[in-house]
Amino acid sequence: TKQKLSGGGLRAMIALHGTLQELQKHGLLDTIMYLCGVSGSTWCMSSLYKNGDWAEKLQALEESMCARLSKYTWSIPKATKMLLEAAKDENYSLTEFWAYTVVYGMLHELDKGHLSEQRSASENGNNPYPIYAAVDERSFSKVTEYSPGKNKQPNLQVISV
């Protein structure tokens, strides 16, 4: 079984988290083998996969997410500092600008990590295997999938929120 939700930013993040909780509540989360996402649903995925045993503590993670989203803690100096640091990268793009301003402003969290760091969260079979989708920024028609186990770029940097 595959579970996938499309973009939509914050709505998709919240919707995916709620969907996963309902699946767990009805004993169906264990039947999900792959968890696929794009855009806002990947915000939820990256946040969950930072926790190796997220399927076992989904309720606590939801409470943490709700607490984080309900308080206003956006720091313009912190966002500016991270943005200026990211701009030094030769591959800097509008995506980083979006992440460091809009996404950080909404989610109050920005944790840069590597996709390979999420491998252990799906190797033991307790969590569905994550597949992140991205649309090519030049053609807007080519979709590429990324996962912790198999990438052409092993140190692919993801921005976990």
N, C-alpha and C. Protein backbone atom coordinates (compact mmCIF):
# COMPACT_ATOMS: atom_id res chain seq x y z
N THR A 1 0.84 -1.17 0.00
CA THR A 1 0.00 0.00 0.00
C THR A 1 0.88 1.23 0.00
N LYS A 2 0.51 2.23 -0.76
CA LYS A 2 1.22 3.50 -0.76
C LYS A 2 0.30 4.57 -0.24
N GLN A 3 0.84 5.49 0.54
CA GLN A 3 0.09 6.64 1.03
C GLN A 3 0.77 7.87 0.48
N LYS A 4 0.04 8.70 -0.25
CA LYS A 4 0.67 9.93 -0.73
C LYS A 4 -0.32 11.08 -0.65
N LEU A 5 0.20 12.23 -0.32
CA LEU A 5 -0.58 13.46 -0.28
C LEU A 5 0.19 14.50 -1.07
N SER A 6 -0.50 15.33 -1.78
CA SER A 6 0.14 16.34 -2.59
C SER A 6 0.53 17.54 -1.74
N GLY A 7 1.03 18.56 -2.42
CA GLY A 7 1.53 19.76 -1.77
C GLY A 7 0.47 20.52 -1.00
N GLY A 8 0.59 21.81 -0.97
CA GLY A 8 -0.36 22.60 -0.21
C GLY A 8 0.25 23.22 1.02
N GLY A 9 1.55 23.09 1.17
CA GLY A 9 2.24 23.73 2.29
C GLY A 9 1.79 23.24 3.64
N LEU A 10 1.43 24.20 4.47
CA LEU A 10 1.07 23.91 5.86
C LEU A 10 -0.13 22.97 5.95
N ARG A 11 -1.12 23.17 5.07
CA ARG A 11 -2.30 22.28 5.08
C ARG A 11 -1.91 20.84 4.82
N ALA A 12 -1.02 20.61 3.86
CA ALA A 12 -0.59 19.25 3.54
C ALA A 12 0.19 18.64 4.69
N MET A 13 1.01 19.44 5.35
CA MET A 13 1.77 18.96 6.50
C MET A 13 0.83 18.47 7.60
N ILE A 14 -0.15 19.30 7.93
CA ILE A 14 -1.11 18.95 8.98
C ILE A 14 -1.99 17.79 8.56
N ALA A 15 -2.42 17.79 7.29
CA ALA A 15 -3.29 16.72 6.79
C ALA A 15 -2.58 15.37 6.81
N LEU A 16 -1.32 15.34 6.42
CA LEU A 16 -0.60 14.07 6.43
C LEU A 16 -0.44 13.56 7.86
N HIS A 17 -0.10 14.45 8.77
CA HIS A 17 0.05 14.04 10.17
C HIS A 17 -1.26 13.47 10.71
N GLY A 18 -2.37 14.16 10.42
CA GLY A 18 -3.68 13.68 10.86
C GLY A 18 -4.06 12.36 10.22
N THR A 19 -3.74 12.20 8.94
CA THR A 19 -4.02 10.94 8.24
C THR A 19 -3.25 9.79 8.87
N LEU A 20 -1.98 10.02 9.16
CA LEU A 20 -1.16 8.98 9.78
C LEU A 20 -1.70 8.60 11.16
N GLN A 21 -2.16 9.60 11.91
CA GLN A 21 -2.72 9.31 13.24
C GLN A 21 -3.99 8.48 13.14
N GLU A 22 -4.84 8.81 12.17
CA GLU A 22 -6.08 8.04 11.99
C GLU A 22 -5.77 6.62 11.54
N LEU A 23 -4.80 6.46 10.66
CA LEU A 23 -4.39 5.12 10.24
C LEU A 23 -3.90 4.32 11.44
N GLN A 24 -3.12 4.96 12.30
CA GLN A 24 -2.62 4.29 13.50
C GLN A 24 -3.76 3.93 14.44
N LYS A 25 -4.68 4.86 14.62
CA LYS A 25 -5.83 4.66 15.51
C LYS A 25 -6.65 3.43 15.10
N HIS A 26 -6.75 3.20 13.80
CA HIS A 26 -7.54 2.07 13.30
C HIS A 26 -6.68 0.84 13.00
N GLY A 27 -5.43 0.86 13.43
CA GLY A 27 -4.55 -0.29 13.25
C GLY A 27 -4.09 -0.50 11.82
N LEU A 28 -4.12 0.54 11.01
CA LEU A 28 -3.76 0.40 9.60
C LEU A 28 -2.39 0.98 9.25
N LEU A 29 -1.77 1.72 10.16
CA LEU A 29 -0.48 2.32 9.85
C LEU A 29 0.57 1.25 9.55
N ASP A 30 0.47 0.12 10.21
CA ASP A 30 1.42 -0.97 9.99
C ASP A 30 1.30 -1.58 8.60
N THR A 31 0.22 -1.30 7.88
CA THR A 31 0.05 -1.86 6.54
C THR A 31 0.69 -0.99 5.46
N ILE A 32 1.11 0.21 5.82
CA ILE A 32 1.70 1.13 4.86
C ILE A 32 3.18 0.78 4.69
N MET A 33 3.57 0.48 3.45
CA MET A 33 4.96 0.13 3.18
C MET A 33 5.78 1.34 2.73
N TYR A 34 5.15 2.24 1.99
CA TYR A 34 5.83 3.42 1.46
C TYR A 34 5.04 4.66 1.82
N LEU A 35 5.74 5.73 2.12
CA LEU A 35 5.11 7.01 2.38
C LEU A 35 5.71 8.01 1.39
N CYS A 36 4.90 8.44 0.44
CA CYS A 36 5.38 9.33 -0.62
C CYS A 36 4.83 10.73 -0.40
N GLY A 37 5.63 11.73 -0.69
CA GLY A 37 5.15 13.09 -0.52
C GLY A 37 5.85 14.07 -1.42
N VAL A 38 5.20 15.21 -1.59
CA VAL A 38 5.75 16.34 -2.34
C VAL A 38 5.32 17.61 -1.61
N SER A 39 6.14 18.62 -1.66
CA SER A 39 5.84 19.92 -1.08
C SER A 39 5.55 19.82 0.41
N GLY A 40 4.42 20.36 0.86
CA GLY A 40 4.12 20.44 2.29
C GLY A 40 4.05 19.11 3.00
N SER A 41 3.65 18.06 2.30
CA SER A 41 3.62 16.75 2.96
C SER A 41 5.02 16.27 3.29
N THR A 42 6.03 16.73 2.53
CA THR A 42 7.41 16.36 2.88
C THR A 42 7.88 17.09 4.12
N TRP A 43 7.27 18.23 4.43
CA TRP A 43 7.60 18.91 5.69
C TRP A 43 7.26 18.00 6.86
N CYS A 44 6.10 17.38 6.78
CA CYS A 44 5.68 16.45 7.82
C CYS A 44 6.61 15.24 7.85
N MET A 45 6.87 14.68 6.67
CA MET A 45 7.72 13.49 6.59
C MET A 45 9.10 13.74 7.17
N SER A 46 9.74 14.84 6.78
CA SER A 46 11.10 15.10 7.26
C SER A 46 11.12 15.31 8.76
N SER A 47 10.07 15.92 9.28
CA SER A 47 9.97 16.11 10.73
C SER A 47 9.82 14.77 11.44
N LEU A 48 8.99 13.89 10.90
CA LEU A 48 8.78 12.58 11.51
C LEU A 48 10.03 11.71 11.45
N TYR A 49 10.68 11.68 10.29
CA TYR A 49 11.81 10.77 10.10
C TYR A 49 13.06 11.20 10.85
N LYS A 50 13.05 12.37 11.47
CA LYS A 50 14.15 12.74 12.37
C LYS A 50 14.08 11.89 13.64
N ASN A 51 12.91 11.32 13.90
CA ASN A 51 12.68 10.47 15.08
C ASN A 51 12.61 9.03 14.61
N GLY A 52 13.60 8.24 14.95
CA GLY A 52 13.69 6.88 14.46
C GLY A 52 12.46 6.03 14.67
N ASP A 53 11.79 6.19 15.77
CA ASP A 53 10.62 5.36 16.07
C ASP A 53 9.35 6.19 16.06
N TRP A 54 9.20 7.05 15.06
CA TRP A 54 8.10 8.01 15.04
C TRP A 54 6.73 7.34 15.04
N ALA A 55 6.58 6.18 14.43
CA ALA A 55 5.27 5.52 14.38
C ALA A 55 4.78 5.14 15.78
N GLU A 56 5.71 4.94 16.70
CA GLU A 56 5.35 4.56 18.07
C GLU A 56 5.02 5.77 18.94
N LYS A 57 5.44 6.97 18.52
CA LYS A 57 5.19 8.15 19.34
C LYS A 57 4.54 9.27 18.54
N LEU A 58 3.62 8.89 17.67
CA LEU A 58 2.95 9.84 16.78
C LEU A 58 2.14 10.89 17.54
N GLN A 59 1.48 10.49 18.60
CA GLN A 59 0.66 11.42 19.38
C GLN A 59 1.53 12.50 20.02
N ALA A 60 2.64 12.11 20.60
CA ALA A 60 3.54 13.09 21.23
C ALA A 60 4.14 14.03 20.18
N LEU A 61 4.45 13.50 19.00
CA LEU A 61 4.99 14.35 17.94
C LEU A 61 3.94 15.34 17.44
N GLU A 62 2.68 14.91 17.41
CA GLU A 62 1.61 15.83 17.01
C GLU A 62 1.46 16.96 18.03
N GLU A 63 1.50 16.62 19.29
CA GLU A 63 1.39 17.64 20.33
C GLU A 63 2.54 18.64 20.24
N SER A 64 3.73 18.15 19.95
CA SER A 64 4.89 19.02 19.79
C SER A 64 4.72 19.94 18.59
N MET A 65 4.22 19.37 17.48
CA MET A 65 4.00 20.17 16.28
C MET A 65 2.95 21.25 16.53
N CYS A 66 1.86 20.89 17.19
CA CYS A 66 0.79 21.86 17.48
C CYS A 66 1.30 22.99 18.37
N ALA A 67 2.10 22.64 19.37
CA ALA A 67 2.66 23.66 20.26
C ALA A 67 3.57 24.61 19.49
N ARG A 68 4.38 24.03 18.60
CA ARG A 68 5.30 24.84 17.81
C ARG A 68 4.55 25.77 16.85
N LEU A 69 3.48 25.26 16.23
CA LEU A 69 2.73 26.05 15.26
C LEU A 69 1.87 27.12 15.91
N SER A 70 1.50 26.93 17.16
CA SER A 70 0.58 27.86 17.80
C SER A 70 1.26 29.04 18.49
N LYS A 71 2.57 29.04 18.53
CA LYS A 71 3.26 30.18 19.14
C LYS A 71 4.06 30.93 18.09
N TYR A 72 4.15 32.21 18.26
CA TYR A 72 4.87 33.04 17.31
C TYR A 72 6.28 33.27 17.83
N THR A 73 7.25 32.60 17.23
CA THR A 73 8.63 32.72 17.68
C THR A 73 9.58 33.03 16.54
N TRP A 74 9.06 33.54 15.45
CA TRP A 74 9.90 33.80 14.29
C TRP A 74 10.90 34.89 14.60
N SER A 75 12.15 34.61 14.35
CA SER A 75 13.23 35.55 14.61
C SER A 75 13.78 36.04 13.27
N ILE A 76 13.54 37.29 12.95
CA ILE A 76 14.04 37.84 11.70
C ILE A 76 15.57 37.79 11.65
N PRO A 77 16.29 38.15 12.74
CA PRO A 77 17.76 38.04 12.68
C PRO A 77 18.24 36.61 12.43
N LYS A 78 17.59 35.63 13.05
CA LYS A 78 18.00 34.24 12.84
C LYS A 78 17.73 33.81 11.40
N ALA A 79 16.56 34.15 10.88
CA ALA A 79 16.22 33.80 9.50
C ALA A 79 17.18 34.48 8.52
N THR A 80 17.51 35.74 8.78
CA THR A 80 18.44 36.48 7.92
C THR A 80 19.82 35.85 7.95
N LYS A 81 20.28 35.47 9.14
CA LYS A 81 21.60 34.84 9.27
C LYS A 81 21.65 33.53 8.49
N MET A 82 20.61 32.70 8.61
CA MET A 82 20.58 31.43 7.89
C MET A 82 20.49 31.67 6.39
N LEU A 83 19.74 32.67 5.98
CA LEU A 83 19.59 33.01 4.57
C LEU A 83 20.91 33.47 3.96
N LEU A 84 21.64 34.32 4.67
CA LEU A 84 22.94 34.80 4.19
C LEU A 84 23.94 33.66 4.09
N GLU A 85 23.89 32.73 5.04
CA GLU A 85 24.78 31.57 5.00
C GLU A 85 24.45 30.69 3.80
N ALA A 86 23.17 30.46 3.56
CA ALA A 86 22.75 29.64 2.42
C ALA A 86 23.12 30.28 1.10
N ALA A 87 23.10 31.61 1.03
CA ALA A 87 23.39 32.33 -0.21
C ALA A 87 24.84 32.14 -0.66
N LYS A 88 25.72 31.70 0.25
CA LYS A 88 27.11 31.45 -0.10
C LYS A 88 27.28 30.19 -0.95
N ASP A 89 26.30 29.31 -0.92
CA ASP A 89 26.35 28.05 -1.66
C ASP A 89 26.19 28.33 -3.15
N GLU A 90 27.01 27.68 -3.96
CA GLU A 90 26.93 27.90 -5.41
C GLU A 90 25.61 27.41 -6.00
N ASN A 91 24.92 26.53 -5.31
CA ASN A 91 23.63 26.02 -5.79
C ASN A 91 22.45 26.74 -5.14
N TYR A 92 22.69 27.89 -4.58
CA TYR A 92 21.63 28.66 -3.92
C TYR A 92 20.51 28.93 -4.91
N SER A 93 19.28 28.77 -4.44
CA SER A 93 18.14 28.99 -5.33
C SER A 93 16.99 29.63 -4.57
N LEU A 94 15.94 29.90 -5.28
CA LEU A 94 14.75 30.48 -4.68
C LEU A 94 14.15 29.55 -3.62
N THR A 95 14.42 28.26 -3.75
CA THR A 95 13.93 27.30 -2.76
C THR A 95 14.48 27.62 -1.38
N GLU A 96 15.78 27.92 -1.31
CA GLU A 96 16.37 28.28 -0.02
C GLU A 96 15.75 29.56 0.53
N PHE A 97 15.56 30.54 -0.33
CA PHE A 97 14.94 31.78 0.11
C PHE A 97 13.55 31.50 0.69
N TRP A 98 12.79 30.67 -0.01
CA TRP A 98 11.45 30.29 0.44
C TRP A 98 11.54 29.60 1.80
N ALA A 99 12.46 28.66 1.92
CA ALA A 99 12.59 27.90 3.17
C ALA A 99 12.97 28.80 4.34
N TYR A 100 13.92 29.69 4.12
CA TYR A 100 14.42 30.51 5.22
C TYR A 100 13.51 31.67 5.59
N THR A 101 12.57 32.00 4.74
CA THR A 101 11.66 33.10 5.07
C THR A 101 10.26 32.58 5.34
N VAL A 102 9.60 32.09 4.33
CA VAL A 102 8.19 31.68 4.47
C VAL A 102 8.04 30.44 5.35
N VAL A 103 8.76 29.38 5.02
CA VAL A 103 8.61 28.12 5.76
C VAL A 103 9.05 28.29 7.21
N TYR A 104 10.21 28.90 7.43
CA TYR A 104 10.67 29.13 8.80
C TYR A 104 9.67 30.00 9.56
N GLY A 105 9.11 30.99 8.87
CA GLY A 105 8.12 31.86 9.50
C GLY A 105 6.87 31.11 9.93
N MET A 106 6.44 30.12 9.13
CA MET A 106 5.24 29.35 9.47
C MET A 106 5.51 28.29 10.52
N LEU A 107 6.63 27.60 10.38
CA LEU A 107 6.87 26.41 11.20
C LEU A 107 7.77 26.65 12.40
N HIS A 108 8.46 27.79 12.44
CA HIS A 108 9.32 28.14 13.57
C HIS A 108 10.44 27.13 13.78
N GLU A 109 10.81 26.44 12.74
CA GLU A 109 11.86 25.43 12.86
C GLU A 109 12.49 25.23 11.49
N LEU A 110 13.78 25.05 11.46
CA LEU A 110 14.48 24.76 10.22
C LEU A 110 15.73 23.98 10.58
N ASP A 111 15.76 22.73 10.23
CA ASP A 111 16.87 21.85 10.59
C ASP A 111 17.46 21.29 9.31
N LYS A 112 18.65 21.76 8.94
CA LYS A 112 19.27 21.26 7.72
C LYS A 112 19.97 19.95 8.03
N GLY A 113 19.65 18.94 7.26
CA GLY A 113 20.27 17.65 7.45
C GLY A 113 20.43 16.95 6.11
N HIS A 114 20.88 15.72 6.15
CA HIS A 114 21.03 14.94 4.93
C HIS A 114 20.00 13.82 4.92
N LEU A 115 19.52 13.53 3.75
CA LEU A 115 18.51 12.48 3.59
C LEU A 115 19.02 11.14 4.10
N SER A 116 20.30 10.88 3.93
CA SER A 116 20.88 9.62 4.40
C SER A 116 20.76 9.45 5.91
N GLU A 117 20.60 10.56 6.65
CA GLU A 117 20.45 10.48 8.10
C GLU A 117 19.11 9.86 8.49
N GLN A 118 18.17 9.80 7.55
CA GLN A 118 16.86 9.24 7.84
C GLN A 118 16.79 7.74 7.57
N ARG A 119 17.87 7.16 7.09
CA ARG A 119 17.88 5.75 6.72
C ARG A 119 17.50 4.84 7.89
N SER A 120 18.04 5.10 9.06
CA SER A 120 17.79 4.22 10.20
C SER A 120 16.32 4.22 10.63
N ALA A 121 15.59 5.31 10.34
CA ALA A 121 14.18 5.39 10.74
C ALA A 121 13.29 4.48 9.91
N SER A 122 13.81 3.96 8.80
CA SER A 122 12.97 3.08 7.97
C SER A 122 13.56 1.69 7.76
N GLU A 123 14.77 1.46 8.24
CA GLU A 123 15.41 0.17 8.02
C GLU A 123 14.82 -0.96 8.85
N ASN A 124 14.32 -0.66 10.04
CA ASN A 124 13.84 -1.73 10.92
C ASN A 124 12.42 -2.17 10.62
N GLY A 125 11.74 -1.49 9.69
CA GLY A 125 10.39 -1.88 9.31
C GLY A 125 9.29 -1.32 10.20
N ASN A 126 9.64 -0.55 11.21
CA ASN A 126 8.62 0.04 12.08
C ASN A 126 7.91 1.21 11.43
N ASN A 127 8.57 1.87 10.49
CA ASN A 127 8.00 3.02 9.80
C ASN A 127 7.93 2.72 8.31
N PRO A 128 6.98 3.32 7.60
CA PRO A 128 6.95 3.17 6.14
C PRO A 128 8.23 3.76 5.53
N TYR A 129 8.61 3.25 4.38
CA TYR A 129 9.81 3.74 3.70
C TYR A 129 9.48 5.09 3.04
N PRO A 130 10.27 6.14 3.32
CA PRO A 130 9.94 7.47 2.79
C PRO A 130 10.44 7.68 1.36
N ILE A 131 9.59 8.27 0.55
CA ILE A 131 9.97 8.66 -0.81
C ILE A 131 9.56 10.12 -0.99
N TYR A 132 10.54 10.96 -1.22
CA TYR A 132 10.30 12.39 -1.42
C TYR A 132 10.31 12.68 -2.92
N ALA A 133 9.32 13.40 -3.38
CA ALA A 133 9.25 13.76 -4.80
C ALA A 133 9.59 15.23 -4.97
N ALA A 134 10.25 15.53 -6.07
CA ALA A 134 10.60 16.91 -6.40
C ALA A 134 10.38 17.13 -7.89
N VAL A 135 9.94 18.31 -8.23
CA VAL A 135 9.71 18.67 -9.63
C VAL A 135 10.90 19.49 -10.10
N ASP A 136 11.42 19.15 -11.28
CA ASP A 136 12.55 19.87 -11.85
C ASP A 136 12.20 21.34 -12.03
N GLU A 137 13.05 22.21 -11.50
CA GLU A 137 12.75 23.65 -11.52
C GLU A 137 12.87 24.27 -12.90
N ARG A 138 13.53 23.59 -13.82
CA ARG A 138 13.68 24.16 -15.16
C ARG A 138 12.55 23.73 -16.10
N SER A 139 12.21 22.46 -16.07
CA SER A 139 11.19 21.97 -17.01
C SER A 139 9.79 21.96 -16.41
N PHE A 140 9.69 21.90 -15.10
CA PHE A 140 8.42 21.81 -14.38
C PHE A 140 7.61 20.58 -14.80
N SER A 141 8.25 19.63 -15.46
CA SER A 141 7.53 18.43 -15.87
C SER A 141 8.23 17.15 -15.42
N LYS A 142 9.50 17.21 -15.16
CA LYS A 142 10.24 16.03 -14.74
C LYS A 142 10.17 15.90 -13.22
N VAL A 143 9.69 14.75 -12.77
CA VAL A 143 9.58 14.49 -11.33
C VAL A 143 10.68 13.52 -10.93
N THR A 144 11.39 13.83 -9.88
CA THR A 144 12.46 12.98 -9.37
C THR A 144 12.09 12.53 -7.97
N GLU A 145 12.37 11.26 -7.68
CA GLU A 145 12.10 10.73 -6.35
C GLU A 145 13.41 10.57 -5.60
N TYR A 146 13.37 10.87 -4.31
CA TYR A 146 14.53 10.73 -3.44
C TYR A 146 14.13 9.90 -2.24
N SER A 147 15.04 9.06 -1.80
CA SER A 147 14.80 8.26 -0.61
C SER A 147 16.12 8.11 0.14
N PRO A 148 16.06 7.75 1.41
CA PRO A 148 17.29 7.66 2.20
C PRO A 148 18.25 6.57 1.74
N GLY A 149 17.74 5.55 1.08
CA GLY A 149 18.59 4.41 0.74
C GLY A 149 19.24 4.46 -0.62
N LYS A 150 18.63 5.16 -1.57
CA LYS A 150 19.14 5.11 -2.94
C LYS A 150 19.03 6.49 -3.58
N ASN A 151 20.16 7.13 -3.72
CA ASN A 151 20.19 8.45 -4.35
C ASN A 151 21.41 8.57 -5.23
N LYS A 152 21.27 9.33 -6.27
CA LYS A 152 22.42 9.63 -7.10
C LYS A 152 23.36 10.58 -6.37
N GLN A 153 22.81 11.31 -5.42
CA GLN A 153 23.58 12.25 -4.62
C GLN A 153 23.50 11.80 -3.16
N PRO A 154 24.45 11.00 -2.68
CA PRO A 154 24.34 10.44 -1.34
C PRO A 154 24.30 11.47 -0.22
N ASN A 155 24.86 12.64 -0.44
CA ASN A 155 24.83 13.68 0.59
C ASN A 155 23.79 14.74 0.29
N LEU A 156 22.73 14.35 -0.38
CA LEU A 156 21.66 15.28 -0.72
C LEU A 156 21.18 15.96 0.54
N GLN A 157 21.20 17.26 0.50
CA GLN A 157 20.79 18.03 1.68
C GLN A 157 19.30 18.30 1.61
N VAL A 158 18.64 18.02 2.70
CA VAL A 158 17.21 18.32 2.80
C VAL A 158 17.04 19.32 3.92
N ILE A 159 16.00 20.08 3.82
CA ILE A 159 15.69 21.02 4.89
C ILE A 159 14.52 20.44 5.64
N SER A 160 14.81 19.89 6.81
CA SER A 160 13.76 19.29 7.63
C SER A 160 13.09 20.38 8.42
N VAL A 161 11.79 20.35 8.44
CA VAL A 161 11.06 21.37 9.18
C VAL A 161 10.24 20.75 10.26
